Amino acid sequence: MQDSAMGIPVSGHGGSRTAEYLKNNLFKNLSSHPDFIKDTKSAIEDSIAAEVFRKTDADYLNEEKGQARDAGSTASTAVLVGDRLLVANVGDSRVVACRAGSGFCLLY
């Protein structure tokens, strides 16, 4: 894997439990997927990210066992690999970049 950096901001609603769970587990689940190391670009752009997001969701629901049924979270994922920025999101969160003082949305 090339030099890379990753950020996963999360925004909880109905309390912070879901966002805390994602903070502690989503990056771990994504970076431990075998294809993430082999091909980071494909891991973010293709079905691997969706698979990991679904697994993390299922794990959270299993752990919560209905305790926080009205809680949830959105999440955005941004991975810088070399000179390329790869982004993905779940829910209504968006990734916004700024260049020369102007913001623009990277995902819709």
PDB file of N, CA and C in Angstrom:
ATOM      1  N   MET A   1       0.845  -1.177   0.000  1.00  0.00           N
ATOM      2  CA  MET A   1       0.000   0.000   0.000  1.00  0.00           C
ATOM      3  C   MET A   1       0.883   1.231   0.000  1.00  0.00           C
ATOM      4  N   GLN A   2       0.519   2.265  -0.770  1.00  0.00           N
ATOM      5  CA  GLN A   2       1.233   3.525  -0.794  1.00  0.00           C
ATOM      6  C   GLN A   2       1.045   4.254   0.528  1.00  0.00           C
ATOM      7  N   ASP A   3       1.834   5.333   0.713  1.00  0.00           N
ATOM      8  CA  ASP A   3       1.589   6.189   1.863  1.00  0.00           C
ATOM      9  C   ASP A   3       0.144   6.651   1.815  1.00  0.00           C
ATOM     10  N   SER A   4      -0.514   6.598   2.967  1.00  0.00           N
ATOM     11  CA  SER A   4      -1.921   6.960   2.973  1.00  0.00           C
ATOM     12  C   SER A   4      -2.320   7.519   4.327  1.00  0.00           C
ATOM     13  N   ALA A   5      -3.456   8.191   4.340  1.00  0.00           N
ATOM     14  CA  ALA A   5      -4.058   8.715   5.559  1.00  0.00           C
ATOM     15  C   ALA A   5      -5.559   8.530   5.422  1.00  0.00           C
ATOM     16  N   MET A   6      -6.243   8.366   6.560  1.00  0.00           N
ATOM     17  CA  MET A   6      -7.679   8.141   6.516  1.00  0.00           C
ATOM     18  C   MET A   6      -8.375   8.937   7.603  1.00  0.00           C
ATOM     19  N   GLY A   7      -9.561   9.442   7.276  1.00  0.00           N
ATOM     20  CA  GLY A   7     -10.408  10.097   8.259  1.00  0.00           C
ATOM     21  C   GLY A   7     -11.832   9.608   8.086  1.00  0.00           C
ATOM     22  N   ILE A   8     -12.510   9.371   9.211  1.00  0.00           N
ATOM     23  CA  ILE A   8     -13.900   8.925   9.161  1.00  0.00           C
ATOM     24  C   ILE A   8     -14.701   9.752  10.167  1.00  0.00           C
ATOM     25  N   PRO A   9     -15.170  10.944   9.761  1.00  0.00           N
ATOM     26  CA  PRO A   9     -16.039  11.694  10.674  1.00  0.00           C
ATOM     27  C   PRO A   9     -17.423  11.057  10.739  1.00  0.00           C
ATOM     28  N   VAL A  10     -17.978  10.981  11.930  1.00  0.00           N
ATOM     29  CA  VAL A  10     -19.311  10.422  12.116  1.00  0.00           C
ATOM     30  C   VAL A  10     -20.179  11.446  12.828  1.00  0.00           C
ATOM     31  N   SER A  11     -21.475  11.368  12.606  1.00  0.00           N
ATOM     32  CA  SER A  11     -22.414  12.290  13.230  1.00  0.00           C
ATOM     33  C   SER A  11     -23.578  11.484  13.781  1.00  0.00           C
ATOM     34  N   GLY A  12     -23.617  11.343  15.091  1.00  0.00           N
ATOM     35  CA  GLY A  12     -24.668  10.558  15.717  1.00  0.00           C
ATOM     36  C   GLY A  12     -25.957  11.342  15.879  1.00  0.00           C
ATOM     37  N   HIS A  13     -27.069  10.651  15.873  1.00  0.00           N
ATOM     38  CA  HIS A  13     -28.360  11.258  16.202  1.00  0.00           C
ATOM     39  C   HIS A  13     -29.087  10.310  17.150  1.00  0.00           C
ATOM     40  N   GLY A  14     -29.826  10.861  18.068  1.00  0.00           N
ATOM     41  CA  GLY A  14     -30.492  10.041  19.076  1.00  0.00           C
ATOM     42  C   GLY A  14     -29.517   9.608  20.163  1.00  0.00           C
ATOM     43  N   GLY A  15     -28.445  10.368  20.341  1.00  0.00           N
ATOM     44  CA  GLY A  15     -27.421  10.030  21.321  1.00  0.00           C
ATOM     45  C   GLY A  15     -26.099   9.738  20.640  1.00  0.00           C
ATOM     46  N   SER A  16     -25.079   9.561  21.443  1.00  0.00           N
ATOM     47  CA  SER A  16     -23.734   9.399  20.884  1.00  0.00           C
ATOM     48  C   SER A  16     -23.277   7.947  20.785  1.00  0.00           C
ATOM     49  N   ARG A  17     -24.088   7.000  21.234  1.00  0.00           N
ATOM     50  CA  ARG A  17     -23.634   5.600  21.286  1.00  0.00           C
ATOM     51  C   ARG A  17     -23.238   5.052  19.919  1.00  0.00           C
ATOM     52  N   THR A  18     -24.030   5.318  18.907  1.00  0.00           N
ATOM     53  CA  THR A  18     -23.724   4.799  17.575  1.00  0.00           C
ATOM     54  C   THR A  18     -22.452   5.430  17.030  1.00  0.00           C
ATOM     55  N   ALA A  19     -22.329   6.747  17.161  1.00  0.00           N
ATOM     56  CA  ALA A  19     -21.132   7.436  16.677  1.00  0.00           C
ATOM     57  C   ALA A  19     -19.889   6.935  17.404  1.00  0.00           C
ATOM     58  N   GLU A  20     -19.986   6.704  18.698  1.00  0.00           N
ATOM     59  CA  GLU A  20     -18.845   6.169  19.458  1.00  0.00           C
ATOM     60  C   GLU A  20     -18.477   4.768  18.963  1.00  0.00           C
ATOM     61  N   TYR A  21     -19.484   3.946  18.689  1.00  0.00           N
ATOM     62  CA  TYR A  21     -19.221   2.600  18.181  1.00  0.00           C
ATOM     63  C   TYR A  21     -18.499   2.682  16.839  1.00  0.00           C
ATOM     64  N   LEU A  22     -18.982   3.553  15.953  1.00  0.00           N
ATOM     65  CA  LEU A  22     -18.341   3.701  14.650  1.00  0.00           C
ATOM     66  C   LEU A  22     -16.914   4.204  14.794  1.00  0.00           C
ATOM     67  N   LYS A  23     -16.716   5.175  15.675  1.00  0.00           N
ATOM     68  CA  LYS A  23     -15.372   5.711  15.905  1.00  0.00           C
ATOM     69  C   LYS A  23     -14.411   4.595  16.310  1.00  0.00           C
ATOM     70  N   ASN A  24     -14.882   3.663  17.109  1.00  0.00           N
ATOM     71  CA  ASN A  24     -14.034   2.593  17.614  1.00  0.00           C
ATOM     72  C   ASN A  24     -13.925   1.386  16.683  1.00  0.00           C
ATOM     73  N   ASN A  25     -14.841   1.237  15.705  1.00  0.00           N
ATOM     74  CA  ASN A  25     -14.885   0.004  14.925  1.00  0.00           C
ATOM     75  C   ASN A  25     -14.829   0.147  13.410  1.00  0.00           C
ATOM     76  N   LEU A  26     -15.336   1.231  12.841  1.00  0.00           N
ATOM     77  CA  LEU A  26     -15.444   1.303  11.381  1.00  0.00           C
ATOM     78  C   LEU A  26     -14.071   1.302  10.705  1.00  0.00           C
ATOM     79  N   PHE A  27     -13.153   2.138  11.165  1.00  0.00           N
ATOM     80  CA  PHE A  27     -11.822   2.155  10.560  1.00  0.00           C
ATOM     81  C   PHE A  27     -11.128   0.808  10.741  1.00  0.00           C
ATOM     82  N   LYS A  28     -11.244   0.237  11.936  1.00  0.00           N
ATOM     83  CA  LYS A  28     -10.635  -1.076  12.207  1.00  0.00           C
ATOM     84  C   LYS A  28     -11.179  -2.116  11.232  1.00  0.00           C
ATOM     85  N   ASN A  29     -12.490  -2.132  11.025  1.00  0.00           N
ATOM     86  CA  ASN A  29     -13.098  -3.103  10.115  1.00  0.00           C
ATOM     87  C   ASN A  29     -12.661  -2.866   8.666  1.00  0.00           C
ATOM     88  N   LEU A  30     -12.604  -1.606   8.258  1.00  0.00           N
ATOM     89  CA  LEU A  30     -12.213  -1.302   6.878  1.00  0.00           C
ATOM     90  C   LEU A  30     -10.743  -1.624   6.642  1.00  0.00           C
ATOM     91  N   SER A  31      -9.871  -1.187   7.529  1.00  0.00           N
ATOM     92  CA  SER A  31      -8.440  -1.396   7.311  1.00  0.00           C
ATOM     93  C   SER A  31      -8.018  -2.846   7.498  1.00  0.00           C
ATOM     94  N   SER A  32      -8.806  -3.643   8.200  1.00  0.00           N
ATOM     95  CA  SER A  32      -8.445  -5.051   8.381  1.00  0.00           C
ATOM     96  C   SER A  32      -8.987  -5.949   7.266  1.00  0.00           C
ATOM     97  N   HIS A  33      -9.824  -5.397   6.378  1.00  0.00           N
ATOM     98  CA  HIS A  33     -10.312  -6.181   5.243  1.00  0.00           C
ATOM     99  C   HIS A  33      -9.117  -6.513   4.348  1.00  0.00           C
ATOM    100  N   PRO A  34      -8.930  -7.790   3.971  1.00  0.00           N
ATOM    101  CA  PRO A  34      -7.737  -8.174   3.205  1.00  0.00           C
ATOM    102  C   PRO A  34      -7.549  -7.394   1.909  1.00  0.00           C
ATOM    103  N   ASP A  35      -8.604  -7.021   1.243  1.00  0.00           N
ATOM    104  CA  ASP A  35      -8.476  -6.291  -0.016  1.00  0.00           C
ATOM    105  C   ASP A  35      -8.145  -4.819   0.186  1.00  0.00           C
ATOM    106  N   PHE A  36      -8.332  -4.303   1.392  1.00  0.00           N
ATOM    107  CA  PHE A  36      -7.997  -2.904   1.656  1.00  0.00           C
ATOM    108  C   PHE A  36      -6.495  -2.687   1.481  1.00  0.00           C
ATOM    109  N   ILE A  37      -5.691  -3.597   1.956  1.00  0.00           N
ATOM    110  CA  ILE A  37      -4.238  -3.470   1.842  1.00  0.00           C
ATOM    111  C   ILE A  37      -3.787  -3.709   0.401  1.00  0.00           C
ATOM    112  N   LYS A  38      -4.398  -4.693  -0.268  1.00  0.00           N
ATOM    113  CA  LYS A  38      -4.003  -5.028  -1.640  1.00  0.00           C
ATOM    114  C   LYS A  38      -4.310  -3.905  -2.620  1.00  0.00           C
ATOM    115  N   ASP A  39      -5.508  -3.319  -2.508  1.00  0.00           N
ATOM    116  CA  ASP A  39      -5.955  -2.319  -3.477  1.00  0.00           C
ATOM    117  C   ASP A  39      -6.874  -1.322  -2.775  1.00  0.00           C
ATOM    118  N   THR A  40      -6.271  -0.345  -2.107  1.00  0.00           N
ATOM    119  CA  THR A  40      -7.028   0.617  -1.309  1.00  0.00           C
ATOM    120  C   THR A  40      -8.054   1.355  -2.154  1.00  0.00           C
ATOM    121  N   LYS A  41      -7.684   1.755  -3.371  1.00  0.00           N
ATOM    122  CA  LYS A  41      -8.601   2.497  -4.241  1.00  0.00           C
ATOM    123  C   LYS A  41      -9.868   1.690  -4.501  1.00  0.00           C
ATOM    124  N   SER A  42      -9.719   0.436  -4.889  1.00  0.00           N
ATOM    125  CA  SER A  42     -10.882  -0.403  -5.140  1.00  0.00           C
ATOM    126  C   SER A  42     -11.669  -0.660  -3.867  1.00  0.00           C
ATOM    127  N   ALA A  43     -10.970  -0.765  -2.757  1.00  0.00           N
ATOM    128  CA  ALA A  43     -11.650  -1.017  -1.487  1.00  0.00           C
ATOM    129  C   ALA A  43     -12.613   0.113  -1.137  1.00  0.00           C
ATOM    130  N   ILE A  44     -12.240   1.335  -1.421  1.00  0.00           N
ATOM    131  CA  ILE A  44     -13.102   2.477  -1.110  1.00  0.00           C
ATOM    132  C   ILE A  44     -14.165   2.655  -2.186  1.00  0.00           C
ATOM    133  N   GLU A  45     -13.798   2.523  -3.450  1.00  0.00           N
ATOM    134  CA  GLU A  45     -14.731   2.824  -4.537  1.00  0.00           C
ATOM    135  C   GLU A  45     -15.706   1.700  -4.830  1.00  0.00           C
ATOM    136  N   ASP A  46     -15.342   0.465  -4.540  1.00  0.00           N
ATOM    137  CA  ASP A  46     -16.167  -0.663  -4.938  1.00  0.00           C
ATOM    138  C   ASP A  46     -16.975  -1.201  -3.755  1.00  0.00           C
ATOM    139  N   SER A  47     -17.377  -2.411  -3.860  1.00  0.00           N
ATOM    140  CA  SER A  47     -18.297  -3.000  -2.894  1.00  0.00           C
ATOM    141  C   SER A  47     -17.663  -3.323  -1.549  1.00  0.00           C
ATOM    142  N   ILE A  48     -16.346  -3.273  -1.435  1.00  0.00           N
ATOM    143  CA  ILE A  48     -15.711  -3.598  -0.161  1.00  0.00           C
ATOM    144  C   ILE A  48     -16.146  -2.624   0.917  1.00  0.00           C
ATOM    145  N   ALA A  49     -16.160  -1.325   0.596  1.00  0.00           N
ATOM    146  CA  ALA A  49     -16.593  -0.335   1.579  1.00  0.00           C
ATOM    147  C   ALA A  49     -18.040  -0.599   1.992  1.00  0.00           C
ATOM    148  N   ALA A  50     -18.909  -0.888   1.036  1.00  0.00           N
ATOM    149  CA  ALA A  50     -20.305  -1.176   1.354  1.00  0.00           C
ATOM    150  C   ALA A  50     -20.409  -2.420   2.228  1.00  0.00           C
ATOM    151  N   GLU A  51     -19.622  -3.436   1.916  1.00  0.00           N
ATOM    152  CA  GLU A  51     -19.618  -4.669   2.714  1.00  0.00           C
ATOM    153  C   GLU A  51     -19.184  -4.374   4.158  1.00  0.00           C
ATOM    154  N   VAL A  52     -18.146  -3.586   4.312  1.00  0.00           N
ATOM    155  CA  VAL A  52     -17.632  -3.263   5.648  1.00  0.00           C
ATOM    156  C   VAL A  52     -18.635  -2.401   6.416  1.00  0.00           C
ATOM    157  N   PHE A  53     -19.255  -1.432   5.747  1.00  0.00           N
ATOM    158  CA  PHE A  53     -20.265  -0.605   6.411  1.00  0.00           C
ATOM    159  C   PHE A  53     -21.429  -1.476   6.876  1.00  0.00           C
ATOM    160  N   ARG A  54     -21.880  -2.419   6.027  1.00  0.00           N
ATOM    161  CA  ARG A  54     -22.983  -3.316   6.408  1.00  0.00           C
ATOM    162  C   ARG A  54     -22.590  -4.213   7.579  1.00  0.00           C
ATOM    163  N   LYS A  55     -21.367  -4.754   7.558  1.00  0.00           N
ATOM    164  CA  LYS A  55     -20.900  -5.608   8.650  1.00  0.00           C
ATOM    165  C   LYS A  55     -20.827  -4.817   9.955  1.00  0.00           C
ATOM    166  N   THR A  56     -20.310  -3.611   9.894  1.00  0.00           N
ATOM    167  CA  THR A  56     -20.204  -2.778  11.098  1.00  0.00           C
ATOM    168  C   THR A  56     -21.595  -2.473  11.640  1.00  0.00           C
ATOM    169  N   ASP A  57     -22.538  -2.192  10.758  1.00  0.00           N
ATOM    170  CA  ASP A  57     -23.914  -1.930  11.163  1.00  0.00           C
ATOM    171  C   ASP A  57     -24.517  -3.153  11.846  1.00  0.00           C
ATOM    172  N   ALA A  58     -24.351  -4.317  11.228  1.00  0.00           N
ATOM    173  CA  ALA A  58     -24.897  -5.553  11.805  1.00  0.00           C
ATOM    174  C   ALA A  58     -24.258  -5.863  13.157  1.00  0.00           C
ATOM    175  N   ASP A  59     -22.946  -5.672  13.267  1.00  0.00           N
ATOM    176  CA  ASP A  59     -22.264  -5.905  14.540  1.00  0.00           C
ATOM    177  C   ASP A  59     -22.795  -4.976  15.627  1.00  0.00           C
ATOM    178  N   TYR A  60     -23.006  -3.710  15.263  1.00  0.00           N
ATOM    179  CA  TYR A  60     -23.520  -2.735  16.225  1.00  0.00           C
ATOM    180  C   TYR A  60     -24.926  -3.121  16.689  1.00  0.00           C
ATOM    181  N   LEU A  61     -25.793  -3.452  15.737  1.00  0.00           N
ATOM    182  CA  LEU A  61     -27.160  -3.823  16.098  1.00  0.00           C
ATOM    183  C   LEU A  61     -27.174  -5.066  16.977  1.00  0.00           C
ATOM    184  N   ASN A  62     -26.299  -6.019  16.695  1.00  0.00           N
ATOM    185  CA  ASN A  62     -26.210  -7.213  17.513  1.00  0.00           C
ATOM    186  C   ASN A  62     -25.742  -6.875  18.928  1.00  0.00           C
ATOM    187  N   GLU A  63     -24.770  -5.988  19.034  1.00  0.00           N
ATOM    188  CA  GLU A  63     -24.248  -5.601  20.346  1.00  0.00           C
ATOM    189  C   GLU A  63     -25.284  -4.801  21.149  1.00  0.00           C
ATOM    190  N   GLU A  64     -26.015  -3.926  20.482  1.00  0.00           N
ATOM    191  CA  GLU A  64     -27.002  -3.083  21.162  1.00  0.00           C
ATOM    192  C   GLU A  64     -28.251  -3.864  21.564  1.00  0.00           C
ATOM    193  N   LYS A  65     -28.597  -4.875  20.803  1.00  0.00           N
ATOM    194  CA  LYS A  65     -29.777  -5.710  21.058  1.00  0.00           C
ATOM    195  C   LYS A  65     -31.035  -4.872  21.333  1.00  0.00           C
ATOM    196  N   GLY A  66     -31.229  -3.839  20.511  1.00  0.00           N
ATOM    197  CA  GLY A  66     -32.446  -3.039  20.604  1.00  0.00           C
ATOM    198  C   GLY A  66     -32.443  -1.968  21.668  1.00  0.00           C
ATOM    199  N   GLN A  67     -31.352  -1.757  22.367  1.00  0.00           N
ATOM    200  CA  GLN A  67     -31.317  -0.762  23.437  1.00  0.00           C
ATOM    201  C   GLN A  67     -31.502   0.661  22.918  1.00  0.00           C
ATOM    202  N   ALA A  68     -30.933   0.967  21.783  1.00  0.00           N
ATOM    203  CA  ALA A  68     -30.985   2.334  21.256  1.00  0.00           C
ATOM    204  C   ALA A  68     -31.587   2.316  19.860  1.00  0.00           C
ATOM    205  N   ARG A  69     -32.816   1.882  19.753  1.00  0.00           N
ATOM    206  CA  ARG A  69     -33.462   1.717  18.450  1.00  0.00           C
ATOM    207  C   ARG A  69     -33.607   3.020  17.679  1.00  0.00           C
ATOM    208  N   ASP A  70     -33.679   4.161  18.363  1.00  0.00           N
ATOM    209  CA  ASP A  70     -33.842   5.426  17.662  1.00  0.00           C
ATOM    210  C   ASP A  70     -32.520   6.142  17.431  1.00  0.00           C
ATOM    211  N   ALA A  71     -31.418   5.520  17.806  1.00  0.00           N
ATOM    212  CA  ALA A  71     -30.101   6.118  17.602  1.00  0.00           C
ATOM    213  C   ALA A  71     -29.535   5.674  16.264  1.00  0.00           C
ATOM    214  N   GLY A  72     -28.661   6.476  15.704  1.00  0.00           N
ATOM    215  CA  GLY A  72     -28.014   6.133  14.449  1.00  0.00           C
ATOM    216  C   GLY A  72     -26.872   7.081  14.175  1.00  0.00           C
ATOM    217  N   SER A  73     -26.321   6.992  12.987  1.00  0.00           N
ATOM    218  CA  SER A  73     -25.218   7.857  12.621  1.00  0.00           C
ATOM    219  C   SER A  73     -25.054   7.884  11.120  1.00  0.00           C
ATOM    220  N   THR A  74     -24.529   8.977  10.630  1.00  0.00           N
ATOM    221  CA  THR A  74     -24.042   9.034   9.265  1.00  0.00           C
ATOM    222  C   THR A  74     -22.526   8.920   9.341  1.00  0.00           C
ATOM    223  N   ALA A  75     -21.888   8.648   8.228  1.00  0.00           N
ATOM    224  CA  ALA A  75     -20.424   8.563   8.221  1.00  0.00           C
ATOM    225  C   ALA A  75     -19.900   8.905   6.839  1.00  0.00           C
ATOM    226  N   SER A  76     -18.802   9.593   6.810  1.00  0.00           N
ATOM    227  CA  SER A  76     -18.060   9.853   5.580  1.00  0.00           C
ATOM    228  C   SER A  76     -16.679   9.253   5.748  1.00  0.00           C
ATOM    229  N   THR A  77     -16.139   8.737   4.677  1.00  0.00           N
ATOM    230  CA  THR A  77     -14.802   8.162   4.704  1.00  0.00           C
ATOM    231  C   THR A  77     -13.955   8.883   3.667  1.00  0.00           C
ATOM    232  N   ALA A  78     -12.810   9.349   4.076  1.00  0.00           N
ATOM    233  CA  ALA A  78     -11.867   9.988   3.159  1.00  0.00           C
ATOM    234  C   ALA A  78     -10.512   9.325   3.350  1.00  0.00           C
ATOM    235  N   VAL A  79      -9.956   8.814   2.258  1.00  0.00           N
ATOM    236  CA  VAL A  79      -8.657   8.149   2.304  1.00  0.00           C
ATOM    237  C   VAL A  79      -7.757   8.833   1.282  1.00  0.00           C
ATOM    238  N   LEU A  80      -6.621   9.318   1.753  1.00  0.00           N
ATOM    239  CA  LEU A  80      -5.622   9.914   0.870  1.00  0.00           C
ATOM    240  C   LEU A  80      -4.577   8.852   0.576  1.00  0.00           C
ATOM    241  N   VAL A  81      -4.478   8.459  -0.684  1.00  0.00           N
ATOM    242  CA  VAL A  81      -3.507   7.446  -1.119  1.00  0.00           C
ATOM    243  C   VAL A  81      -2.604   8.124  -2.138  1.00  0.00           C
ATOM    244  N   GLY A  82      -1.350   8.320  -1.755  1.00  0.00           N
ATOM    245  CA  GLY A  82      -0.456   9.066  -2.640  1.00  0.00           C
ATOM    246  C   GLY A  82      -1.001  10.462  -2.834  1.00  0.00           C
ATOM    247  N   ASP A  83      -1.289  10.824  -4.082  1.00  0.00           N
ATOM    248  CA  ASP A  83      -1.848  12.147  -4.368  1.00  0.00           C
ATOM    249  C   ASP A  83      -3.334  12.088  -4.731  1.00  0.00           C
ATOM    250  N   ARG A  84      -4.001  10.957  -4.441  1.00  0.00           N
ATOM    251  CA  ARG A  84      -5.431  10.795  -4.758  1.00  0.00           C
ATOM    252  C   ARG A  84      -6.244  10.744  -3.488  1.00  0.00           C
ATOM    253  N   LEU A  85      -7.360  11.453  -3.480  1.00  0.00           N
ATOM    254  CA  LEU A  85      -8.292  11.444  -2.359  1.00  0.00           C
ATOM    255  C   LEU A  85      -9.511  10.628  -2.758  1.00  0.00           C
ATOM    256  N   LEU A  86      -9.783   9.552  -2.013  1.00  0.00           N
ATOM    257  CA  LEU A  86     -10.918   8.667  -2.281  1.00  0.00           C
ATOM    258  C   LEU A  86     -11.943   8.888  -1.178  1.00  0.00           C
ATOM    259  N   VAL A  87     -13.208   9.069  -1.550  1.00  0.00           N
ATOM    260  CA  VAL A  87     -14.240   9.367  -0.563  1.00  0.00           C
ATOM    261  C   VAL A  87     -15.457   8.468  -0.743  1.00  0.00           C
ATOM    262  N   ALA A  88     -16.146   8.210   0.367  1.00  0.00           N
ATOM    263  CA  ALA A  88     -17.396   7.442   0.363  1.00  0.00           C
ATOM    264  C   ALA A  88     -18.230   7.950   1.527  1.00  0.00           C
ATOM    265  N   ASN A  89     -19.525   7.759   1.457  1.00  0.00           N
ATOM    266  CA  ASN A  89     -20.380   8.180   2.566  1.00  0.00           C
ATOM    267  C   ASN A  89     -21.577   7.260   2.724  1.00  0.00           C
ATOM    268  N   VAL A  90     -22.135   7.292   3.931  1.00  0.00           N
ATOM    269  CA  VAL A  90     -23.367   6.586   4.251  1.00  0.00           C
ATOM    270  C   VAL A  90     -24.283   7.587   4.925  1.00  0.00           C
ATOM    271  N   GLY A  91     -25.528   7.635   4.520  1.00  0.00           N
ATOM    272  CA  GLY A  91     -26.461   8.600   5.096  1.00  0.00           C
ATOM    273  C   GLY A  91     -26.337   9.946   4.406  1.00  0.00           C
ATOM    274  N   ASP A  92     -26.750  10.994   5.111  1.00  0.00           N
ATOM    275  CA  ASP A  92     -26.760  12.311   4.492  1.00  0.00           C
ATOM    276  C   ASP A  92     -25.504  13.126   4.786  1.00  0.00           C
ATOM    277  N   SER A  93     -24.447  12.494   5.223  1.00  0.00           N
ATOM    278  CA  SER A  93     -23.181  13.191   5.415  1.00  0.00           C
ATOM    279  C   SER A  93     -22.521  13.405   4.053  1.00  0.00           C
ATOM    280  N   ARG A  94     -21.728  14.445   3.961  1.00  0.00           N
ATOM    281  CA  ARG A  94     -21.038  14.763   2.710  1.00  0.00           C
ATOM    282  C   ARG A  94     -19.587  15.109   2.997  1.00  0.00           C
ATOM    283  N   VAL A  95     -18.750  14.946   1.993  1.00  0.00           N
ATOM    284  CA  VAL A  95     -17.354  15.342   2.077  1.00  0.00           C
ATOM    285  C   VAL A  95     -17.202  16.609   1.243  1.00  0.00           C
ATOM    286  N   VAL A  96     -16.691  17.657   1.877  1.00  0.00           N
ATOM    287  CA  VAL A  96     -16.513  18.944   1.225  1.00  0.00           C
ATOM    288  C   VAL A  96     -15.035  19.302   1.263  1.00  0.00           C
ATOM    289  N   ALA A  97     -14.497  19.719   0.137  1.00  0.00           N
ATOM    290  CA  ALA A  97     -13.105  20.160   0.064  1.00  0.00           C
ATOM    291  C   ALA A  97     -13.075  21.662  -0.171  1.00  0.00           C
ATOM    292  N   CYS A  98     -11.956  22.254   0.155  1.00  0.00           N
ATOM    293  CA  CYS A  98     -11.790  23.694  -0.040  1.00  0.00           C
ATOM    294  C   CYS A  98     -10.539  23.931  -0.868  1.00  0.00           C
ATOM    295  N   ARG A  99     -10.677  24.743  -1.906  1.00  0.00           N
ATOM    296  CA  ARG A  99      -9.528  25.132  -2.730  1.00  0.00           C
ATOM    297  C   ARG A  99      -9.625  26.632  -2.974  1.00  0.00           C
ATOM    298  N   ALA A 100      -8.569  27.333  -2.650  1.00  0.00           N
ATOM    299  CA  ALA A 100      -8.496  28.789  -2.839  1.00  0.00           C
ATOM    300  C   ALA A 100      -9.679  29.492  -2.178  1.00  0.00           C
ATOM    301  N   GLY A 101     -10.089  29.010  -1.014  1.00  0.00           N
ATOM    302  CA  GLY A 101     -11.153  29.663  -0.253  1.00  0.00           C
ATOM    303  C   GLY A 101     -12.563  29.304  -0.671  1.00  0.00           C
ATOM    304  N   SER A 102     -12.727  28.425  -1.663  1.00  0.00           N
ATOM    305  CA  SER A 102     -14.057  28.030  -2.107  1.00  0.00           C
ATOM    306  C   SER A 102     -14.285  26.557  -1.794  1.00  0.00           C
ATOM    307  N   GLY A 103     -15.428  26.257  -1.195  1.00  0.00           N
ATOM    308  CA  GLY A 103     -15.773  24.883  -0.871  1.00  0.00           C
ATOM    309  C   GLY A 103     -16.531  24.219  -2.009  1.00  0.00           C
ATOM    310  N   PHE A 104     -16.321  22.931  -2.159  1.00  0.00           N
ATOM    311  CA  PHE A 104     -17.099  22.163  -3.137  1.00  0.00           C
ATOM    312  C   PHE A 104     -17.297  20.753  -2.632  1.00  0.00           C
ATOM    313  N   CYS A 105     -18.480  20.216  -2.886  1.00  0.00           N
ATOM    314  CA  CYS A 105     -18.862  18.894  -2.415  1.00  0.00           C
ATOM    315  C   CYS A 105     -18.224  17.822  -3.297  1.00  0.00           C
ATOM    316  N   LEU A 106     -17.604  16.833  -2.651  1.00  0.00           N
ATOM    317  CA  LEU A 106     -16.978  15.743  -3.402  1.00  0.00           C
ATOM    318  C   LEU A 106     -17.932  14.580  -3.638  1.00  0.00           C
ATOM    319  N   LEU A 107     -19.019  14.515  -2.887  1.00  0.00           N
ATOM    320  CA  LEU A 107     -20.025  13.458  -3.038  1.00  0.00           C
ATOM    321  C   LEU A 107     -21.408  14.084  -2.962  1.00  0.00           C
ATOM    322  N   TYR A 108     -22.341  13.540  -3.724  1.00  0.00           N
ATOM    323  CA  TYR A 108     -23.733  13.987  -3.644  1.00  0.00           C
ATOM    324  C   TYR A 108     -24.622  12.834  -3.283  1.00  0.00           C
TER     325      TYR A 108
END
